[in-house]
Amino acid sequence: MSIAKPGTALPNLSIPLVGGDTRALGPDAQWHLLVVYRGRHCPRCKTYLTKLDGLQPDFAERGVTITVTSADPEDRAVSDRDEFGWTFPLGHSLSLSDMAALGLYVSDPRSEAETDRPFAEPGLFLTNGDGLIHVMSTSNSASVRPDLDVVLDGVKGIQNNGLPIRGLRGQD
């Protein structure tokens, strides 16, 4: 199995969305921002995703589609969406194999009060107009994730200045 890395297409993923639809991601995911969050148990995720929800019009203006997902089952994702009023497409039930394909760090819950399943630590993947991962960030901690204003500014810079995909040396 190949793992997501800059300059490659996203792995073929079929993300179930709250409400019954699915979002297919893969080689044709042009200008797409995929954000993986830890789940309902993570307060830092709520702040981060609420900021992302507010930036949706700015990303849309640049032609960037957004998908957010986690390993949580649909009922927990619905609870988050309803509590925080998020309007972006919200996925759920991200599988361990999809987490591995994205190269995400995976943690086990500390207790059943946290969650009842392994979950992905934060990940962000921006694909460009060619459907290639232009920017990605994975973290092993809730405390570290890219500033969304900087990501949006980066999209503008990439699009306006034709900035290349960086960090390709040493990936083989």
N, C-alpha and C. Protein backbone atom coordinates (compact mmCIF):
# COMPACT_ATOMS: atom_id res chain seq x y z
N MET A 1 0.85 -1.18 0.00
CA MET A 1 0.00 0.00 0.00
C MET A 1 0.89 1.23 0.00
N SER A 2 0.58 2.18 -0.88
CA SER A 2 1.33 3.43 -0.85
C SER A 2 0.66 4.38 0.13
N ILE A 3 1.48 5.22 0.73
CA ILE A 3 0.99 6.16 1.73
C ILE A 3 1.02 7.55 1.13
N ALA A 4 0.01 8.35 1.47
CA ALA A 4 -0.10 9.72 0.97
C ALA A 4 1.18 10.49 1.25
N LYS A 5 1.63 11.23 0.22
CA LYS A 5 2.78 12.11 0.39
C LYS A 5 2.69 13.22 -0.65
N PRO A 6 3.38 14.32 -0.45
CA PRO A 6 3.32 15.42 -1.41
C PRO A 6 3.71 14.95 -2.81
N GLY A 7 2.99 15.48 -3.79
CA GLY A 7 3.28 15.16 -5.18
C GLY A 7 2.56 13.93 -5.69
N THR A 8 1.79 13.26 -4.83
CA THR A 8 1.01 12.11 -5.25
C THR A 8 -0.48 12.44 -5.08
N ALA A 9 -1.32 11.62 -5.70
CA ALA A 9 -2.76 11.78 -5.52
C ALA A 9 -3.16 11.25 -4.15
N LEU A 10 -4.27 11.74 -3.66
CA LEU A 10 -4.83 11.15 -2.45
C LEU A 10 -5.14 9.69 -2.73
N PRO A 11 -5.05 8.85 -1.72
CA PRO A 11 -5.50 7.47 -1.92
C PRO A 11 -6.99 7.48 -2.25
N ASN A 12 -7.45 6.47 -2.95
CA ASN A 12 -8.88 6.36 -3.22
C ASN A 12 -9.61 6.11 -1.91
N LEU A 13 -10.43 7.07 -1.54
CA LEU A 13 -11.21 6.99 -0.31
C LEU A 13 -12.68 7.22 -0.63
N SER A 14 -13.53 6.53 0.06
CA SER A 14 -14.97 6.78 -0.02
C SER A 14 -15.42 7.10 1.39
N ILE A 15 -15.60 8.38 1.65
CA ILE A 15 -15.89 8.84 3.01
C ILE A 15 -17.40 8.97 3.18
N PRO A 16 -17.97 8.18 4.12
CA PRO A 16 -19.40 8.34 4.39
C PRO A 16 -19.65 9.68 5.07
N LEU A 17 -20.64 10.41 4.58
CA LEU A 17 -20.97 11.72 5.13
C LEU A 17 -22.23 11.64 5.98
N VAL A 18 -22.30 12.53 6.96
CA VAL A 18 -23.51 12.66 7.75
C VAL A 18 -24.67 12.92 6.79
N GLY A 19 -25.72 12.17 6.96
CA GLY A 19 -26.88 12.33 6.10
C GLY A 19 -27.01 11.27 5.02
N GLY A 20 -25.99 10.42 4.85
CA GLY A 20 -26.11 9.30 3.94
C GLY A 20 -25.33 9.37 2.64
N ASP A 21 -24.88 10.53 2.22
CA ASP A 21 -24.07 10.62 1.01
C ASP A 21 -22.66 10.12 1.30
N THR A 22 -21.86 10.01 0.24
CA THR A 22 -20.43 9.70 0.40
C THR A 22 -19.64 10.70 -0.41
N ARG A 23 -18.40 10.90 -0.02
CA ARG A 23 -17.48 11.77 -0.75
C ARG A 23 -16.35 10.88 -1.23
N ALA A 24 -16.22 10.76 -2.55
CA ALA A 24 -15.14 9.98 -3.14
C ALA A 24 -13.94 10.89 -3.33
N LEU A 25 -12.81 10.47 -2.81
CA LEU A 25 -11.56 11.22 -2.97
C LEU A 25 -10.53 10.31 -3.61
N GLY A 26 -9.63 10.89 -4.34
CA GLY A 26 -8.60 10.12 -5.02
C GLY A 26 -7.90 11.00 -6.04
N PRO A 27 -7.44 10.42 -7.13
CA PRO A 27 -6.63 11.16 -8.11
C PRO A 27 -7.31 12.37 -8.73
N ASP A 28 -8.64 12.42 -8.73
CA ASP A 28 -9.31 13.56 -9.36
C ASP A 28 -9.79 14.61 -8.36
N ALA A 29 -9.30 14.57 -7.14
CA ALA A 29 -9.74 15.51 -6.10
C ALA A 29 -9.02 16.84 -6.28
N GLN A 30 -9.46 17.64 -7.26
CA GLN A 30 -8.80 18.90 -7.56
C GLN A 30 -9.19 19.97 -6.54
N TRP A 31 -8.21 20.76 -6.13
CA TRP A 31 -8.39 21.82 -5.13
C TRP A 31 -9.37 21.37 -4.06
N HIS A 32 -8.86 20.50 -3.25
CA HIS A 32 -9.67 19.92 -2.19
C HIS A 32 -8.88 20.00 -0.88
N LEU A 33 -9.57 20.34 0.18
CA LEU A 33 -8.97 20.35 1.51
C LEU A 33 -9.65 19.26 2.33
N LEU A 34 -8.88 18.23 2.67
CA LEU A 34 -9.36 17.17 3.53
C LEU A 34 -8.76 17.39 4.91
N VAL A 35 -9.63 17.51 5.90
CA VAL A 35 -9.19 17.70 7.28
C VAL A 35 -9.69 16.51 8.10
N VAL A 36 -8.76 15.84 8.76
CA VAL A 36 -9.10 14.72 9.64
C VAL A 36 -8.96 15.22 11.07
N TYR A 37 -10.03 15.05 11.85
CA TYR A 37 -9.98 15.46 13.25
C TYR A 37 -10.10 14.24 14.15
N ARG A 38 -9.75 14.42 15.40
CA ARG A 38 -9.64 13.31 16.35
C ARG A 38 -11.00 12.73 16.72
N GLY A 39 -12.03 13.57 16.80
CA GLY A 39 -13.37 13.10 17.14
C GLY A 39 -14.04 13.96 18.20
N ARG A 40 -15.22 13.56 18.56
CA ARG A 40 -16.05 14.34 19.48
C ARG A 40 -15.36 14.60 20.82
N HIS A 41 -14.49 13.72 21.23
CA HIS A 41 -13.84 13.84 22.53
C HIS A 41 -12.79 14.96 22.58
N CYS A 42 -12.48 15.58 21.45
CA CYS A 42 -11.36 16.53 21.38
C CYS A 42 -11.82 17.99 21.37
N PRO A 43 -11.64 18.72 22.47
CA PRO A 43 -12.07 20.12 22.49
C PRO A 43 -11.26 21.01 21.54
N ARG A 44 -9.99 20.72 21.34
CA ARG A 44 -9.19 21.52 20.41
C ARG A 44 -9.71 21.41 18.98
N CYS A 45 -10.22 20.24 18.65
CA CYS A 45 -10.78 20.03 17.31
C CYS A 45 -11.99 20.95 17.08
N LYS A 46 -12.80 21.14 18.12
CA LYS A 46 -14.00 21.96 17.97
C LYS A 46 -13.65 23.39 17.61
N THR A 47 -12.64 23.93 18.29
CA THR A 47 -12.20 25.30 18.01
C THR A 47 -11.65 25.38 16.59
N TYR A 48 -10.84 24.42 16.21
CA TYR A 48 -10.21 24.39 14.89
C TYR A 48 -11.27 24.28 13.78
N LEU A 49 -12.20 23.38 13.96
CA LEU A 49 -13.21 23.16 12.92
C LEU A 49 -14.22 24.29 12.85
N THR A 50 -14.50 24.93 13.97
CA THR A 50 -15.38 26.10 13.94
C THR A 50 -14.72 27.23 13.15
N LYS A 51 -13.41 27.39 13.31
CA LYS A 51 -12.66 28.38 12.50
C LYS A 51 -12.74 28.00 11.02
N LEU A 52 -12.52 26.72 10.71
CA LEU A 52 -12.60 26.27 9.32
C LEU A 52 -13.98 26.54 8.74
N ASP A 53 -15.02 26.29 9.51
CA ASP A 53 -16.38 26.53 9.03
C ASP A 53 -16.55 28.00 8.63
N GLY A 54 -15.99 28.90 9.42
CA GLY A 54 -16.09 30.33 9.11
C GLY A 54 -15.27 30.73 7.89
N LEU A 55 -14.24 29.96 7.57
CA LEU A 55 -13.38 30.27 6.40
C LEU A 55 -13.87 29.61 5.11
N GLN A 56 -14.93 28.83 5.19
CA GLN A 56 -15.43 28.15 3.99
C GLN A 56 -15.63 29.07 2.79
N PRO A 57 -16.25 30.23 2.96
CA PRO A 57 -16.44 31.10 1.79
C PRO A 57 -15.12 31.54 1.16
N ASP A 58 -14.10 31.74 1.99
CA ASP A 58 -12.79 32.16 1.48
C ASP A 58 -12.12 31.03 0.69
N PHE A 59 -12.24 29.80 1.20
CA PHE A 59 -11.70 28.66 0.46
C PHE A 59 -12.50 28.45 -0.83
N ALA A 60 -13.83 28.57 -0.75
CA ALA A 60 -14.68 28.38 -1.94
C ALA A 60 -14.34 29.41 -3.01
N GLU A 61 -14.03 30.64 -2.60
CA GLU A 61 -13.65 31.68 -3.55
C GLU A 61 -12.41 31.28 -4.34
N ARG A 62 -11.57 30.45 -3.77
CA ARG A 62 -10.36 29.96 -4.43
C ARG A 62 -10.60 28.61 -5.12
N GLY A 63 -11.85 28.15 -5.10
CA GLY A 63 -12.19 26.89 -5.76
C GLY A 63 -11.83 25.65 -4.97
N VAL A 64 -11.65 25.80 -3.66
CA VAL A 64 -11.26 24.68 -2.81
C VAL A 64 -12.50 24.08 -2.14
N THR A 65 -12.74 22.80 -2.40
CA THR A 65 -13.80 22.05 -1.76
C THR A 65 -13.26 21.50 -0.44
N ILE A 66 -14.11 21.44 0.57
CA ILE A 66 -13.68 20.99 1.90
C ILE A 66 -14.43 19.71 2.28
N THR A 67 -13.70 18.80 2.88
CA THR A 67 -14.30 17.63 3.54
C THR A 67 -13.60 17.46 4.88
N VAL A 68 -14.37 17.20 5.91
CA VAL A 68 -13.85 16.96 7.25
C VAL A 68 -14.33 15.58 7.68
N THR A 69 -13.46 14.80 8.32
CA THR A 69 -13.88 13.47 8.76
C THR A 69 -13.11 13.03 10.00
N SER A 70 -13.63 11.98 10.63
CA SER A 70 -12.99 11.36 11.78
C SER A 70 -13.40 9.89 11.83
N ALA A 71 -12.87 9.17 12.80
CA ALA A 71 -13.24 7.77 13.00
C ALA A 71 -14.55 7.62 13.77
N ASP A 72 -15.06 8.72 14.30
CA ASP A 72 -16.31 8.65 15.06
C ASP A 72 -17.43 8.04 14.23
N PRO A 73 -18.35 7.32 14.89
CA PRO A 73 -19.54 6.86 14.18
C PRO A 73 -20.45 8.05 13.86
N GLU A 74 -21.40 7.82 12.99
CA GLU A 74 -22.24 8.92 12.51
C GLU A 74 -22.95 9.67 13.64
N ASP A 75 -23.45 8.98 14.65
CA ASP A 75 -24.20 9.68 15.70
C ASP A 75 -23.33 10.69 16.43
N ARG A 76 -22.06 10.39 16.63
CA ARG A 76 -21.16 11.34 17.31
C ARG A 76 -20.84 12.52 16.38
N ALA A 77 -20.68 12.25 15.09
CA ALA A 77 -20.43 13.34 14.13
C ALA A 77 -21.66 14.25 14.05
N VAL A 78 -22.85 13.67 14.05
CA VAL A 78 -24.08 14.47 14.02
C VAL A 78 -24.16 15.35 15.28
N SER A 79 -23.81 14.79 16.43
CA SER A 79 -23.83 15.57 17.67
C SER A 79 -22.90 16.77 17.58
N ASP A 80 -21.69 16.56 17.03
CA ASP A 80 -20.76 17.69 16.85
C ASP A 80 -21.35 18.72 15.90
N ARG A 81 -21.82 18.27 14.75
CA ARG A 81 -22.36 19.20 13.76
C ARG A 81 -23.49 20.02 14.36
N ASP A 82 -24.40 19.35 15.05
CA ASP A 82 -25.55 20.06 15.62
C ASP A 82 -25.13 21.02 16.73
N GLU A 83 -24.21 20.59 17.57
CA GLU A 83 -23.78 21.44 18.68
C GLU A 83 -23.03 22.68 18.20
N PHE A 84 -22.18 22.52 17.18
CA PHE A 84 -21.33 23.63 16.75
C PHE A 84 -21.82 24.33 15.49
N GLY A 85 -22.86 23.81 14.87
CA GLY A 85 -23.44 24.46 13.70
C GLY A 85 -22.58 24.39 12.45
N TRP A 86 -21.72 23.40 12.35
CA TRP A 86 -20.85 23.28 11.18
C TRP A 86 -21.68 23.01 9.93
N THR A 87 -21.24 23.59 8.82
CA THR A 87 -21.97 23.43 7.56
C THR A 87 -21.15 22.75 6.48
N PHE A 88 -19.89 22.43 6.75
CA PHE A 88 -19.08 21.73 5.76
C PHE A 88 -19.51 20.26 5.69
N PRO A 89 -19.20 19.58 4.58
CA PRO A 89 -19.48 18.14 4.52
C PRO A 89 -18.69 17.42 5.61
N LEU A 90 -19.41 16.70 6.46
CA LEU A 90 -18.81 16.06 7.62
C LEU A 90 -18.88 14.54 7.48
N GLY A 91 -17.70 13.94 7.41
CA GLY A 91 -17.60 12.50 7.31
C GLY A 91 -17.52 11.84 8.67
N HIS A 92 -17.60 10.53 8.63
CA HIS A 92 -17.53 9.74 9.87
C HIS A 92 -17.00 8.34 9.53
N SER A 93 -16.71 7.58 10.56
CA SER A 93 -16.35 6.16 10.43
C SER A 93 -15.10 5.93 9.59
N LEU A 94 -14.13 6.84 9.66
CA LEU A 94 -12.88 6.65 8.92
C LEU A 94 -12.23 5.35 9.41
N SER A 95 -11.90 4.48 8.49
CA SER A 95 -11.38 3.16 8.85
C SER A 95 -9.89 3.21 9.16
N LEU A 96 -9.43 2.21 9.87
CA LEU A 96 -8.00 2.10 10.17
C LEU A 96 -7.18 1.98 8.88
N SER A 97 -7.70 1.29 7.88
CA SER A 97 -6.96 1.17 6.62
C SER A 97 -6.88 2.51 5.90
N ASP A 98 -7.93 3.32 5.96
CA ASP A 98 -7.88 4.66 5.37
C ASP A 98 -6.92 5.56 6.14
N MET A 99 -6.90 5.43 7.46
CA MET A 99 -5.96 6.21 8.27
C MET A 99 -4.53 5.84 7.86
N ALA A 100 -4.27 4.55 7.67
CA ALA A 100 -2.94 4.10 7.27
C ALA A 100 -2.58 4.62 5.88
N ALA A 101 -3.53 4.58 4.96
CA ALA A 101 -3.27 5.06 3.60
C ALA A 101 -2.94 6.55 3.57
N LEU A 102 -3.53 7.30 4.50
CA LEU A 102 -3.24 8.74 4.59
C LEU A 102 -1.96 9.01 5.38
N GLY A 103 -1.41 7.99 6.02
CA GLY A 103 -0.20 8.18 6.81
C GLY A 103 -0.45 8.89 8.13
N LEU A 104 -1.65 8.73 8.65
CA LEU A 104 -2.02 9.40 9.90
C LEU A 104 -1.50 8.63 11.11
N TYR A 105 -1.24 9.35 12.16
CA TYR A 105 -0.92 8.73 13.44
C TYR A 105 -2.24 8.29 14.05
N VAL A 106 -2.24 7.14 14.70
CA VAL A 106 -3.46 6.58 15.28
C VAL A 106 -3.21 6.36 16.77
N SER A 107 -4.20 6.73 17.58
CA SER A 107 -4.11 6.55 19.03
C SER A 107 -5.26 5.68 19.51
N ASP A 108 -4.99 4.99 20.62
CA ASP A 108 -6.03 4.25 21.31
C ASP A 108 -6.62 5.16 22.38
N PRO A 109 -7.91 5.00 22.67
CA PRO A 109 -8.51 5.83 23.73
C PRO A 109 -7.89 5.51 25.08
N ARG A 110 -7.83 6.53 25.91
CA ARG A 110 -7.33 6.34 27.28
C ARG A 110 -8.38 5.70 28.15
N SER A 111 -9.66 5.90 27.81
CA SER A 111 -10.76 5.30 28.56
C SER A 111 -11.99 5.30 27.66
N GLU A 112 -13.02 4.58 28.08
CA GLU A 112 -14.26 4.58 27.32
C GLU A 112 -14.95 5.93 27.37
N ALA A 113 -14.62 6.76 28.36
CA ALA A 113 -15.19 8.10 28.43
C ALA A 113 -14.68 8.96 27.27
N GLU A 114 -13.48 8.66 26.79
CA GLU A 114 -12.91 9.42 25.67
C GLU A 114 -13.60 8.97 24.37
N THR A 115 -13.46 7.72 24.02
CA THR A 115 -14.13 7.13 22.86
C THR A 115 -13.98 5.62 22.97
N ASP A 116 -14.65 4.93 22.08
CA ASP A 116 -14.65 3.47 22.17
C ASP A 116 -13.86 2.79 21.06
N ARG A 117 -13.01 3.54 20.35
CA ARG A 117 -12.29 2.97 19.21
C ARG A 117 -10.98 3.73 18.98
N PRO A 118 -10.04 3.13 18.26
CA PRO A 118 -8.85 3.89 17.85
C PRO A 118 -9.27 5.08 16.99
N PHE A 119 -8.51 6.15 17.07
CA PHE A 119 -8.85 7.36 16.32
C PHE A 119 -7.61 7.96 15.69
N ALA A 120 -7.83 8.70 14.62
CA ALA A 120 -6.73 9.38 13.94
C ALA A 120 -6.38 10.66 14.67
N GLU A 121 -5.10 10.94 14.75
CA GLU A 121 -4.64 12.26 15.19
C GLU A 121 -4.81 13.22 14.00
N PRO A 122 -4.66 14.53 14.22
CA PRO A 122 -4.98 15.50 13.16
C PRO A 122 -4.19 15.32 11.87
N GLY A 123 -4.89 15.56 10.77
CA GLY A 123 -4.26 15.54 9.45
C GLY A 123 -4.93 16.55 8.55
N LEU A 124 -4.15 17.14 7.66
CA LEU A 124 -4.66 18.11 6.68
C LEU A 124 -3.98 17.81 5.35
N PHE A 125 -4.79 17.73 4.29
CA PHE A 125 -4.30 17.41 2.96
C PHE A 125 -4.93 18.37 1.96
N LEU A 126 -4.13 19.15 1.25
CA LEU A 126 -4.60 20.07 0.23
C LEU A 126 -4.14 19.55 -1.12
N THR A 127 -5.12 19.20 -1.97
CA THR A 127 -4.76 18.80 -3.33
C THR A 127 -4.93 20.01 -4.24
N ASN A 128 -4.11 20.03 -5.29
CA ASN A 128 -4.10 21.16 -6.22
C ASN A 128 -4.94 20.87 -7.46
N GLY A 129 -4.88 21.76 -8.44
CA GLY A 129 -5.65 21.64 -9.67
C GLY A 129 -5.31 20.42 -10.50
N ASP A 130 -4.19 19.80 -10.23
CA ASP A 130 -3.82 18.55 -10.91
C ASP A 130 -4.21 17.32 -10.10
N GLY A 131 -4.87 17.54 -8.96
CA GLY A 131 -5.30 16.43 -8.11
C GLY A 131 -4.18 15.83 -7.28
N LEU A 132 -3.06 16.55 -7.15
CA LEU A 132 -1.91 16.06 -6.38
C LEU A 132 -1.85 16.72 -5.01
N ILE A 133 -1.36 16.00 -4.03
CA ILE A 133 -1.20 16.60 -2.70
C ILE A 133 -0.12 17.66 -2.79
N HIS A 134 -0.54 18.91 -2.59
CA HIS A 134 0.38 20.04 -2.67
C HIS A 134 0.92 20.39 -1.28
N VAL A 135 0.04 20.27 -0.29
CA VAL A 135 0.41 20.58 1.09
C VAL A 135 -0.22 19.50 1.97
N MET A 136 0.56 19.00 2.92
CA MET A 136 -0.02 18.08 3.89
C MET A 136 0.66 18.25 5.23
N SER A 137 -0.10 17.92 6.26
CA SER A 137 0.42 17.99 7.62
C SER A 137 -0.25 16.91 8.44
N THR A 138 0.55 16.11 9.10
CA THR A 138 0.02 15.14 10.05
C THR A 138 0.70 15.38 11.39
N SER A 139 -0.03 15.11 12.44
CA SER A 139 0.50 15.33 13.78
C SER A 139 0.18 14.12 14.65
N ASN A 140 1.01 13.90 15.63
CA ASN A 140 0.73 12.83 16.59
C ASN A 140 0.08 13.39 17.85
N SER A 141 -0.36 14.65 17.80
CA SER A 141 -0.87 15.32 18.98
C SER A 141 -1.99 16.29 18.62
N ALA A 142 -2.95 16.41 19.50
CA ALA A 142 -4.03 17.38 19.32
C ALA A 142 -3.50 18.82 19.34
N SER A 143 -2.33 19.00 19.91
CA SER A 143 -1.80 20.35 20.13
C SER A 143 -1.16 20.98 18.91
N VAL A 144 -0.89 20.18 17.87
CA VAL A 144 -0.16 20.72 16.71
C VAL A 144 -0.96 20.48 15.44
N ARG A 145 -1.32 21.59 14.78
CA ARG A 145 -1.99 21.53 13.48
C ARG A 145 -1.81 22.85 12.78
N PRO A 146 -1.89 22.88 11.44
CA PRO A 146 -1.62 24.11 10.70
C PRO A 146 -2.65 25.20 10.98
N ASP A 147 -2.17 26.43 11.04
CA ASP A 147 -3.03 27.60 11.17
C ASP A 147 -3.84 27.73 9.88
N LEU A 148 -5.16 27.76 9.98
CA LEU A 148 -6.00 27.77 8.79
C LEU A 148 -5.89 29.06 7.99
N ASP A 149 -5.61 30.20 8.64
CA ASP A 149 -5.38 31.44 7.90
C ASP A 149 -4.12 31.31 7.04
N VAL A 150 -3.11 30.65 7.57
CA VAL A 150 -1.87 30.44 6.83
C VAL A 150 -2.11 29.48 5.67
N VAL A 151 -2.92 28.43 5.89
CA VAL A 151 -3.24 27.50 4.81
C VAL A 151 -3.97 28.24 3.69
N LEU A 152 -4.95 29.07 4.04
CA LEU A 152 -5.67 29.84 3.03
C LEU A 152 -4.73 30.77 2.28
N ASP A 153 -3.85 31.45 3.00
CA ASP A 153 -2.87 32.32 2.36
C ASP A 153 -1.95 31.50 1.44
N GLY A 154 -1.62 30.30 1.87
CA GLY A 154 -0.81 29.42 1.04
C GLY A 154 -1.51 29.04 -0.25
N VAL A 155 -2.81 28.76 -0.18
CA VAL A 155 -3.59 28.46 -1.39
C VAL A 155 -3.51 29.65 -2.35
N LYS A 156 -3.69 30.84 -1.82
CA LYS A 156 -3.61 32.04 -2.66
C LYS A 156 -2.24 32.15 -3.31
N GLY A 157 -1.19 31.92 -2.55
CA GLY A 157 0.17 31.99 -3.09
C GLY A 157 0.43 30.94 -4.15
N ILE A 158 -0.02 29.73 -3.90
CA ILE A 158 0.16 28.65 -4.88
C ILE A 158 -0.56 29.01 -6.18
N GLN A 159 -1.81 29.43 -6.05
CA GLN A 159 -2.60 29.73 -7.24
C GLN A 159 -2.13 30.98 -7.97
N ASN A 160 -1.78 32.02 -7.25
CA ASN A 160 -1.40 33.29 -7.89
C ASN A 160 0.02 33.27 -8.46
N ASN A 161 0.88 32.47 -7.85
CA ASN A 161 2.30 32.51 -8.22
C ASN A 161 2.82 31.20 -8.80
N GLY A 162 1.93 30.23 -8.97
CA GLY A 162 2.36 28.95 -9.53
C GLY A 162 3.42 28.26 -8.69
N LEU A 163 3.31 28.36 -7.36
CA LEU A 163 4.33 27.77 -6.49
C LEU A 163 4.33 26.25 -6.62
N PRO A 164 5.50 25.65 -6.69
CA PRO A 164 5.59 24.20 -6.87
C PRO A 164 5.32 23.44 -5.57
N ILE A 165 5.13 22.15 -5.72
CA ILE A 165 5.05 21.26 -4.57
C ILE A 165 6.46 21.15 -4.00
N ARG A 166 6.59 21.37 -2.71
CA ARG A 166 7.92 21.36 -2.08
C ARG A 166 8.12 20.09 -1.26
N GLY A 167 9.37 19.84 -0.89
CA GLY A 167 9.73 18.75 0.00
C GLY A 167 9.71 17.38 -0.66
N LEU A 168 9.99 17.33 -1.95
CA LEU A 168 9.91 16.06 -2.67
C LEU A 168 11.21 15.24 -2.60
N ARG A 169 12.31 15.86 -2.22
CA ARG A 169 13.57 15.10 -2.14
C ARG A 169 13.53 14.12 -1.00
N GLY A 170 14.07 12.96 -1.21
CA GLY A 170 14.21 11.98 -0.13
C GLY A 170 12.95 11.21 0.18
N GLN A 171 11.94 11.27 -0.68
CA GLN A 171 10.70 10.55 -0.42
C GLN A 171 10.71 9.13 -0.96
N ASP A 172 11.68 8.78 -1.76
CA ASP A 172 11.65 7.46 -2.41
C ASP A 172 11.92 6.33 -1.49
